[in-house]
Amino acid sequence: MSVSTAAARANRGVDTEGRSPEELREIVSHWGAELELAPAETIIEWAAATFGERFAITSSMGDAVLAHLASKVVPGIDVVFLDTGYHFIETIGTRDAVEATMPVNLLTITPVQSVAEQDAEYGKDLYRTDPDLCCALRKVKPLADSLASYDAWATGLRRAETKNRVIAPVIGWDAKRQKVKVSPMARWSDEQVERYIEDNGVLVNPLVYDGYPSIGCAPCTRRVAPGEDPRSGRWAGTGKTECGIHA
């Protein structure tokens, strides 16, 4: 299913009235420490029980680990994928494979403007001239719009990924979006991810095996040499390390 905003959920009859920010923050305060050491499946199960259809997961389709975990616990769960218009064909292929092989409701979210429309307004290749603005228009805002009808969202964020993520809570408060942010895999090591993939035959973006351990938009992602920081291939040469979604 391809949608530009969360309106699609309202059209499906999903209740768009959720808890207040105060209620959501209280949930985070109560459950954050309680679930800190819980298994990923237990964390997802708690979120689904607490928020029902107002809980979704997101995936950038570097792999399908989080989607696989969630689909086992909550078959039919909403999986939000941001199609920036700049993805590698392998990333789109991974998304299609997840939709075809897993019991999930995959929602492909697109920016308000096409790439051509963005080029016409801001100049060609905004990702070169102002990468922060490009990410804001093609990732950050579309995500905020798509999460409007949810109280909580789950990410595949892991503390082992970068120094900026070492304090990522398992259950946290997303102040920017006024949502509960769930990171079921926050404590997982790289080895745990690899083991889960191997043990469960989980789909992996083929670019991972071609020197791209961290995959973003095609114009802004390069191969990483063995031994390099896995995220050093993202926005290489710009000093930029995050798109703004997890800022």
Protein backbone atom coordinates (compact mmCIF):
# COMPACT_ATOMS: atom_id res chain seq x y z
CA MET A 1 0.00 0.00 0.00
CA SER A 2 1.43 3.36 -1.00
CA VAL A 3 0.26 6.45 0.89
CA SER A 4 1.46 10.02 1.27
CA THR A 5 0.02 10.64 4.74
CA ALA A 6 -1.52 8.76 7.66
CA ALA A 7 -4.96 9.52 6.21
CA ALA A 8 -4.99 6.03 4.77
CA ARG A 9 -5.36 4.58 8.25
CA ALA A 10 -8.38 6.76 8.93
CA ASN A 11 -9.88 5.54 5.67
CA ARG A 12 -9.44 1.98 6.92
CA GLY A 13 -11.54 2.80 9.95
CA VAL A 14 -8.69 2.94 12.46
CA ASP A 15 -9.42 5.14 15.47
CA THR A 16 -7.47 8.38 15.07
CA GLU A 17 -8.04 9.58 18.63
CA GLY A 18 -5.18 8.46 20.83
CA ARG A 19 -3.82 9.14 24.30
CA SER A 20 -2.66 12.59 25.32
CA PRO A 21 1.08 13.37 25.46
CA GLU A 22 0.83 13.45 29.24
CA GLU A 23 -0.61 9.93 29.31
CA LEU A 24 2.04 8.69 26.89
CA ARG A 25 4.89 10.19 28.92
CA GLU A 26 3.48 8.51 32.02
CA ILE A 27 3.59 5.17 30.23
CA VAL A 28 7.25 5.77 29.32
CA SER A 29 8.07 6.75 32.90
CA HIS A 30 6.44 3.63 34.30
CA TRP A 31 7.56 1.03 31.78
CA GLY A 32 10.95 2.26 30.57
CA ALA A 33 13.01 0.74 33.38
CA GLU A 34 10.66 -2.23 33.71
CA LEU A 35 11.33 -3.40 30.16
CA GLU A 36 14.98 -2.38 29.84
CA LEU A 37 16.26 -5.96 30.04
CA ALA A 38 13.28 -7.69 28.42
CA PRO A 39 13.66 -9.75 25.23
CA ALA A 40 12.80 -7.95 21.99
CA GLU A 41 9.71 -10.11 21.45
CA THR A 42 8.41 -9.24 24.91
CA ILE A 43 8.90 -5.54 24.26
CA ILE A 44 6.96 -5.74 20.99
CA GLU A 45 4.23 -7.79 22.66
CA TRP A 46 3.91 -5.15 25.40
CA ALA A 47 3.71 -2.32 22.86
CA ALA A 48 1.04 -4.10 20.83
CA ALA A 49 -0.99 -4.86 23.95
CA THR A 50 -0.64 -1.29 25.23
CA PHE A 51 -1.29 0.66 22.03
CA GLY A 52 -3.16 -1.77 19.77
CA GLU A 53 -3.59 -0.46 16.22
CA ARG A 54 -1.96 2.79 17.27
CA PHE A 55 1.42 1.02 17.28
CA ALA A 56 3.53 0.57 14.14
CA ILE A 57 7.08 -0.35 13.29
CA THR A 58 9.38 1.36 10.79
CA SER A 59 11.98 -0.22 8.53
CA SER A 60 14.60 1.20 6.18
CA MET A 61 14.95 -2.26 4.60
CA GLY A 62 18.63 -2.75 5.33
CA ASP A 63 17.35 -6.05 6.67
CA ALA A 64 14.01 -7.42 7.79
CA VAL A 65 14.94 -8.39 11.36
CA LEU A 66 12.53 -6.02 13.13
CA ALA A 67 9.73 -6.80 10.66
CA HIS A 68 10.30 -10.52 11.22
CA LEU A 69 10.30 -10.15 15.00
CA ALA A 70 7.14 -8.05 14.98
CA SER A 71 5.27 -10.23 12.49
CA LYS A 72 5.80 -13.27 14.72
CA VAL A 73 4.33 -11.46 17.72
CA VAL A 74 1.70 -9.32 15.97
CA PRO A 75 0.75 -10.76 12.55
CA GLY A 76 -0.60 -8.01 10.31
CA ILE A 77 1.29 -5.23 12.07
CA ASP A 78 1.77 -1.97 10.17
CA VAL A 79 5.30 -1.60 8.78
CA VAL A 80 6.12 1.94 7.66
CA PHE A 81 8.69 2.35 4.87
CA LEU A 82 9.81 5.78 3.65
CA ASP A 83 10.32 5.82 -0.12
CA THR A 84 12.46 8.90 -0.62
CA GLY A 85 12.61 8.54 -4.39
CA TYR A 86 16.36 8.04 -4.16
CA HIS A 87 16.58 4.44 -2.94
CA PHE A 88 18.77 1.73 -4.42
CA ILE A 89 16.76 -0.75 -6.48
CA GLU A 90 17.93 -3.44 -4.02
CA THR A 91 16.23 -1.57 -1.17
CA ILE A 92 12.94 -1.40 -3.05
CA GLY A 93 13.33 -5.09 -3.87
CA THR A 94 13.82 -5.92 -0.19
CA ARG A 95 10.67 -3.98 0.67
CA ASP A 96 8.72 -5.89 -1.97
CA ALA A 97 10.06 -9.21 -0.68
CA VAL A 98 9.06 -8.34 2.90
CA GLU A 99 5.55 -7.47 1.75
CA ALA A 100 5.28 -10.69 -0.26
CA THR A 101 6.63 -13.11 2.32
CA MET A 102 5.69 -11.77 5.77
CA PRO A 103 2.30 -11.34 7.48
CA VAL A 104 2.59 -7.54 7.71
CA ASN A 105 0.66 -4.52 6.42
CA LEU A 106 3.39 -2.65 4.58
CA LEU A 107 2.80 1.10 4.15
CA THR A 108 5.04 2.87 1.66
CA ILE A 109 5.19 6.57 2.53
CA THR A 110 6.22 9.10 -0.10
CA PRO A 111 7.16 12.79 0.30
CA VAL A 112 4.70 15.50 -0.72
CA GLN A 113 6.95 16.46 -3.64
CA SER A 114 8.40 14.14 -6.24
CA VAL A 115 12.14 14.39 -6.87
CA ALA A 116 11.44 16.42 -10.02
CA GLU A 117 9.17 18.82 -8.14
CA GLN A 118 11.76 19.24 -5.41
CA ASP A 119 14.44 19.93 -8.00
CA ALA A 120 12.22 22.57 -9.60
CA GLU A 121 11.70 24.38 -6.29
CA TYR A 122 15.08 24.02 -4.60
CA GLY A 123 17.48 23.34 -7.47
CA LYS A 124 18.78 20.07 -8.84
CA ASP A 125 20.36 17.56 -6.46
CA LEU A 126 19.41 19.14 -3.15
CA TYR A 127 21.16 16.23 -1.46
CA ARG A 128 24.44 17.82 -2.59
CA THR A 129 23.69 21.49 -1.90
CA ASP A 130 21.74 21.09 1.36
CA PRO A 131 21.63 17.47 2.56
CA ASP A 132 19.96 18.39 5.85
CA LEU A 133 17.05 20.03 4.05
CA CYS A 134 16.80 17.12 1.62
CA CYS A 135 16.54 14.66 4.52
CA ALA A 136 14.01 16.91 6.25
CA LEU A 137 11.78 17.01 3.17
CA ARG A 138 12.14 13.39 2.06
CA LYS A 139 12.47 11.56 5.39
CA VAL A 140 11.74 13.55 8.55
CA LYS A 141 8.50 15.27 7.53
CA PRO A 142 7.01 12.23 5.74
CA LEU A 143 7.69 10.13 8.83
CA ALA A 144 6.05 12.70 11.12
CA ASP A 145 3.01 12.80 8.84
CA SER A 146 2.78 9.01 8.65
CA LEU A 147 2.94 8.65 12.45
CA ALA A 148 0.12 11.11 13.08
CA SER A 149 -2.40 8.36 13.79
CA TYR A 150 -0.13 6.28 16.02
CA ASP A 151 0.71 6.68 19.72
CA ALA A 152 3.92 4.62 19.53
CA TRP A 153 6.39 3.52 16.90
CA ALA A 154 9.18 0.97 16.92
CA THR A 155 12.58 1.31 15.29
CA GLY A 156 15.51 -1.02 14.68
CA LEU A 157 17.81 1.41 16.52
CA ARG A 158 20.70 -0.31 18.30
CA ARG A 159 23.22 1.14 20.74
CA ALA A 160 26.07 -0.72 19.05
CA GLU A 161 25.59 1.17 15.77
CA THR A 162 27.14 4.57 16.55
CA LYS A 163 28.34 6.62 19.50
CA ASN A 164 25.26 8.83 19.03
CA ARG A 165 23.00 5.88 19.87
CA VAL A 166 24.68 4.39 22.94
CA ILE A 167 22.02 5.78 25.27
CA ALA A 168 19.01 4.88 23.12
CA PRO A 169 16.31 3.69 25.57
CA VAL A 170 14.27 0.58 24.95
CA ILE A 171 11.13 2.57 25.79
CA GLY A 172 11.66 6.29 25.30
CA TRP A 173 9.85 9.56 24.69
CA ASP A 174 9.99 11.04 21.21
CA ALA A 175 9.57 14.71 22.14
CA LYS A 176 9.72 15.91 18.54
CA ARG A 177 6.71 13.82 17.51
CA GLN A 178 5.06 13.49 20.94
CA LYS A 179 5.06 9.70 20.63
CA VAL A 180 6.39 6.72 22.54
CA LYS A 181 9.50 5.44 20.77
CA VAL A 182 10.20 1.74 21.15
CA SER A 183 13.57 0.22 20.30
CA PRO A 184 13.18 -3.53 20.94
CA MET A 185 16.68 -4.30 19.62
CA ALA A 186 18.48 -1.46 21.42
CA ARG A 187 20.68 -3.84 23.42
CA TRP A 188 21.47 -6.21 20.54
CA SER A 189 25.07 -6.57 19.39
CA ASP A 190 26.08 -7.01 15.76
CA GLU A 191 26.66 -10.68 16.53
CA GLN A 192 23.13 -11.10 17.87
CA VAL A 193 21.69 -9.58 14.70
CA GLU A 194 23.77 -11.88 12.51
CA ARG A 195 22.79 -14.91 14.57
CA TYR A 196 19.08 -14.05 14.35
CA ILE A 197 19.33 -13.61 10.59
CA GLU A 198 21.08 -16.96 10.19
CA ASP A 199 18.83 -18.87 12.58
CA ASN A 200 15.60 -17.54 11.06
CA GLY A 201 16.53 -17.12 7.39
CA VAL A 202 15.66 -13.42 7.55
CA LEU A 203 15.71 -11.30 4.41
CA VAL A 204 18.74 -9.01 4.08
CA ASN A 205 19.26 -6.25 1.55
CA PRO A 206 21.84 -7.72 -0.89
CA LEU A 207 23.85 -4.49 -0.71
CA VAL A 208 24.90 -5.49 2.81
CA TYR A 209 26.98 -8.25 1.24
CA ASP A 210 28.40 -5.86 -1.34
CA GLY A 211 30.17 -3.48 1.05
CA TYR A 212 27.21 -1.39 2.26
CA PRO A 213 26.71 -2.19 5.98
CA SER A 214 24.55 0.92 6.44
CA ILE A 215 22.20 1.74 3.57
CA GLY A 216 20.54 5.07 2.86
CA CYS A 217 19.68 6.90 -0.34
CA ALA A 218 21.78 5.89 -3.35
CA PRO A 219 23.35 9.32 -4.05
CA CYS A 220 24.49 9.68 -0.42
CA THR A 221 25.75 6.17 0.35
CA ARG A 222 29.08 4.61 -0.61
CA ARG A 223 30.79 1.30 0.02
CA VAL A 224 32.74 0.89 3.26
CA ALA A 225 36.14 -0.76 3.37
CA PRO A 226 36.69 -3.65 5.83
CA GLY A 227 37.51 -2.27 9.28
CA GLU A 228 35.88 1.11 8.66
CA ASP A 229 33.02 2.47 10.77
CA PRO A 230 29.93 0.80 9.24
CA ARG A 231 28.15 4.17 9.02
CA SER A 232 31.09 6.02 7.47
CA GLY A 233 29.59 5.42 4.04
CA ARG A 234 26.58 7.59 4.85
CA TRP A 235 26.90 11.22 3.66
CA ALA A 236 30.63 10.62 3.21
CA GLY A 237 32.69 13.80 3.15
CA THR A 238 29.92 16.04 4.52
CA GLY A 239 30.33 15.69 8.29
CA LYS A 240 26.69 14.60 8.45
CA THR A 241 26.00 11.44 10.45
CA GLU A 242 22.22 11.29 10.92
CA CYS A 243 19.22 12.08 8.72
CA GLY A 244 17.30 13.72 11.56
CA ILE A 245 14.78 10.97 12.26
CA HIS A 246 16.57 9.96 15.46
CA ALA A 247 17.82 13.43 16.41
